[in-house]
C-alpha cells in the first residue's frame, strides 16, 4: 500500500514539474538578431566618423576613431560604411556576416 502512495506522489510531482516547465517555457530565449563591433583603425583614427548600414543613406551612428557596437542587426550579410564627419574625405566600407546571438567584428581603415 505504501509503495502505491509513493509512486502516485512521484507521478504527481512529475506532472506538476512538467506543467511548470510548459507554462514558463523553460526560460529559453532564442536570439533573433546579432551584434557587430566596428573598429576604426589606421592613420586617421582621431577623426569622428559617421557609420552607415547597407547604404550611404542609412546612418546608424557616429564613432570617434575607436569602436562602435551596433546591436539588433538582422542575420545575414551586411555592408558598413564610414566617412569622416567633417570633410567626408576619409572613408572605407566592409561587409560582415551576422549570425543571430553572435558578435561579429569588422575593422575598417578609412583613408
C-alpha atoms as a PDB file:
ATOM      1  CA  UNK A   1       0.000   0.000   0.000  1.00  0.00           C
ATOM      2  CA  UNK A   2       2.807   2.441   0.903  1.00  0.00           C
ATOM      3  CA  UNK A   3       4.518   1.615  -2.364  1.00  0.00           C
ATOM      4  CA  UNK A   4       1.458   2.792  -4.347  1.00  0.00           C
ATOM      5  CA  UNK A   5       1.261   6.044  -2.358  1.00  0.00           C
ATOM      6  CA  UNK A   6       4.945   6.793  -3.022  1.00  0.00           C
ATOM      7  CA  UNK A   7       4.603   6.036  -6.752  1.00  0.00           C
ATOM      8  CA  UNK A   8       1.483   8.218  -7.022  1.00  0.00           C
ATOM      9  CA  UNK A   9       3.252  11.026  -5.152  1.00  0.00           C
ATOM     10  CA  UNK A  10       6.220  10.857  -7.525  1.00  0.00           C
ATOM     11  CA  UNK A  11       3.874  10.893 -10.540  1.00  0.00           C
ATOM     12  CA  UNK A  12       2.001  13.920  -9.194  1.00  0.00           C
ATOM     13  CA  UNK A  13       5.281  15.776  -8.640  1.00  0.00           C
ATOM     14  CA  UNK A  14       6.444  14.862 -12.151  1.00  0.00           C
ATOM     15  CA  UNK A  15       3.199  16.149 -13.687  1.00  0.00           C
ATOM     16  CA  UNK A  16       3.430  19.381 -11.700  1.00  0.00           C
ATOM     17  CA  UNK A  17       7.071  19.854 -12.780  1.00  0.00           C
ATOM     18  CA  UNK A  18       6.199  19.279 -16.443  1.00  0.00           C
ATOM     19  CA  UNK A  19       3.291  21.707 -16.267  1.00  0.00           C
ATOM     20  CA  UNK A  20       5.503  24.330 -14.618  1.00  0.00           C
ATOM     21  CA  UNK A  21       8.111  23.951 -17.339  1.00  0.00           C
ATOM     22  CA  UNK A  22       5.430  24.111 -20.024  1.00  0.00           C
ATOM     23  CA  UNK A  23       3.851  27.282 -18.647  1.00  0.00           C
ATOM     24  CA  UNK A  24       7.135  29.103 -18.111  1.00  0.00           C
ATOM     25  CA  UNK A  25       8.726  27.996 -21.384  1.00  0.00           C
ATOM     26  CA  UNK A  26      11.902  26.799 -19.644  1.00  0.00           C
ATOM     27  CA  UNK A  27      13.181  30.372 -19.665  1.00  0.00           C
ATOM     28  CA  UNK A  28      14.891  29.807 -23.022  1.00  0.00           C
ATOM     29  CA  UNK A  29      15.270  32.960 -25.078  1.00  0.00           C
ATOM     30  CA  UNK A  30      16.071  32.433 -28.735  1.00  0.00           C
ATOM     31  CA  UNK A  31      18.016  35.390 -30.148  1.00  0.00           C
ATOM     32  CA  UNK A  32      16.800  36.825 -33.440  1.00  0.00           C
ATOM     33  CA  UNK A  33      19.478  39.488 -34.019  1.00  0.00           C
ATOM     34  CA  UNK A  34      23.231  39.801 -33.783  1.00  0.00           C
ATOM     35  CA  UNK A  35      25.832  42.384 -32.790  1.00  0.00           C
ATOM     36  CA  UNK A  36      28.575  43.979 -34.878  1.00  0.00           C
ATOM     37  CA  UNK A  37      31.606  45.708 -33.371  1.00  0.00           C
ATOM     38  CA  UNK A  38      33.110  48.166 -35.851  1.00  0.00           C
ATOM     39  CA  UNK A  39      36.740  49.047 -35.222  1.00  0.00           C
ATOM     40  CA  UNK A  40      38.250  52.147 -36.854  1.00  0.00           C
ATOM     41  CA  UNK A  41      41.975  51.674 -37.443  1.00  0.00           C
ATOM     42  CA  UNK A  42      44.738  53.255 -39.494  1.00  0.00           C
ATOM     43  CA  UNK A  43      46.303  56.704 -39.692  1.00  0.00           C
ATOM     44  CA  UNK A  44      43.199  58.846 -39.311  1.00  0.00           C
ATOM     45  CA  UNK A  45      41.635  57.407 -36.157  1.00  0.00           C
ATOM     46  CA  UNK A  46      41.416  60.815 -34.474  1.00  0.00           C
ATOM     47  CA  UNK A  47      38.507  61.915 -36.699  1.00  0.00           C
ATOM     48  CA  UNK A  48      34.841  61.439 -35.880  1.00  0.00           C
ATOM     49  CA  UNK A  49      33.242  59.021 -38.335  1.00  0.00           C
ATOM     50  CA  UNK A  50      29.661  58.639 -39.497  1.00  0.00           C
ATOM     51  CA  UNK A  51      28.642  54.972 -39.647  1.00  0.00           C
ATOM     52  CA  UNK A  52      26.115  53.696 -42.187  1.00  0.00           C
ATOM     53  CA  UNK A  53      24.444  50.292 -42.543  1.00  0.00           C
ATOM     54  CA  UNK A  54      23.835  48.798 -46.021  1.00  0.00           C
ATOM     55  CA  UNK A  55      23.535  52.227 -47.675  1.00  0.00           C
ATOM     56  CA  UNK A  56      25.086  55.681 -47.516  1.00  0.00           C
ATOM     57  CA  UNK A  57      21.544  56.881 -46.689  1.00  0.00           C
ATOM     58  CA  UNK A  58      21.095  54.758 -43.553  1.00  0.00           C
ATOM     59  CA  UNK A  59      23.209  56.488 -40.891  1.00  0.00           C
ATOM     60  CA  UNK A  60      23.244  54.490 -37.643  1.00  0.00           C
ATOM     61  CA  UNK A  61      25.748  56.369 -35.505  1.00  0.00           C
ATOM     62  CA  UNK A  62      28.977  58.280 -35.036  1.00  0.00           C
ATOM     63  CA  UNK A  63      32.211  56.994 -33.564  1.00  0.00           C
ATOM     64  CA  UNK A  64      35.374  58.791 -32.600  1.00  0.00           C
ATOM     65  CA  UNK A  65      38.106  56.708 -34.153  1.00  0.00           C
ATOM     66  CA  UNK A  66      37.667  53.813 -31.786  1.00  0.00           C
ATOM     67  CA  UNK A  67      34.899  51.276 -31.800  1.00  0.00           C
ATOM     68  CA  UNK A  68      31.166  51.343 -32.273  1.00  0.00           C
ATOM     69  CA  UNK A  69      28.972  48.461 -31.125  1.00  0.00           C
ATOM     70  CA  UNK A  70      25.847  48.013 -33.223  1.00  0.00           C
ATOM     71  CA  UNK A  71      23.163  45.804 -31.676  1.00  0.00           C
ATOM     72  CA  UNK A  72      19.944  44.462 -33.163  1.00  0.00           C
ATOM     73  CA  UNK A  73      21.399  43.690 -36.589  1.00  0.00           C
ATOM     74  CA  UNK A  74      19.346  41.176 -38.558  1.00  0.00           C
ATOM     75  CA  UNK A  75      21.125  37.960 -39.535  1.00  0.00           C
ATOM     76  CA  UNK A  76      22.758  37.851 -42.944  1.00  0.00           C
ATOM     77  CA  UNK A  77      25.361  39.740 -44.912  1.00  0.00           C
ATOM     78  CA  UNK A  78      25.616  43.492 -44.209  1.00  0.00           C
ATOM     79  CA  UNK A  79      27.881  46.232 -45.534  1.00  0.00           C
ATOM     80  CA  UNK A  80      29.003  49.002 -43.195  1.00  0.00           C
ATOM     81  CA  UNK A  81      30.344  52.317 -44.473  1.00  0.00           C
ATOM     82  CA  UNK A  82      32.230  55.010 -42.567  1.00  0.00           C
ATOM     83  CA  UNK A  83      33.268  58.518 -43.573  1.00  0.00           C
ATOM     84  CA  UNK A  84      34.813  61.358 -41.604  1.00  0.00           C
ATOM     85  CA  UNK A  85      32.132  63.606 -40.142  1.00  0.00           C
ATOM     86  CA  UNK A  86      33.753  66.897 -41.215  1.00  0.00           C
ATOM     87  CA  UNK A  87      35.126  66.666 -44.760  1.00  0.00           C
ATOM     88  CA  UNK A  88      33.914  63.263 -45.964  1.00  0.00           C
ATOM     89  CA  UNK A  89      37.360  62.715 -47.480  1.00  0.00           C
ATOM     90  CA  UNK A  90      38.344  59.656 -45.474  1.00  0.00           C
ATOM     91  CA  UNK A  91      36.086  56.657 -45.852  1.00  0.00           C
ATOM     92  CA  UNK A  92      36.011  52.881 -46.008  1.00  0.00           C
ATOM     93  CA  UNK A  93      33.479  50.083 -46.208  1.00  0.00           C
ATOM     94  CA  UNK A  94      33.370  46.399 -45.415  1.00  0.00           C
ATOM     95  CA  UNK A  95      30.977  43.509 -45.404  1.00  0.00           C
ATOM     96  CA  UNK A  96      30.384  41.168 -42.479  1.00  0.00           C
ATOM     97  CA  UNK A  97      28.105  38.181 -41.986  1.00  0.00           C
ATOM     98  CA  UNK A  98      25.874  38.461 -38.920  1.00  0.00           C
ATOM     99  CA  UNK A  99      24.598  35.411 -37.035  1.00  0.00           C
ATOM    100  CA  UNK A 100      21.755  35.651 -34.504  1.00  0.00           C
ATOM    101  CA  UNK A 101      23.044  35.674 -30.948  1.00  0.00           C
ATOM    102  CA  UNK A 102      26.666  36.170 -32.029  1.00  0.00           C
ATOM    103  CA  UNK A 103      29.076  39.115 -32.163  1.00  0.00           C
ATOM    104  CA  UNK A 104      30.889  39.849 -35.422  1.00  0.00           C
ATOM    105  CA  UNK A 105      33.896  42.165 -35.754  1.00  0.00           C
ATOM    106  CA  UNK A 106      34.710  44.460 -38.671  1.00  0.00           C
ATOM    107  CA  UNK A 107      37.885  46.545 -38.880  1.00  0.00           C
ATOM    108  CA  UNK A 108      37.829  49.500 -41.268  1.00  0.00           C
ATOM    109  CA  UNK A 109      40.779  51.644 -42.389  1.00  0.00           C
ATOM    110  CA  UNK A 110      39.442  54.981 -43.671  1.00  0.00           C
ATOM    111  CA  UNK A 111      41.913  56.942 -45.834  1.00  0.00           C
END
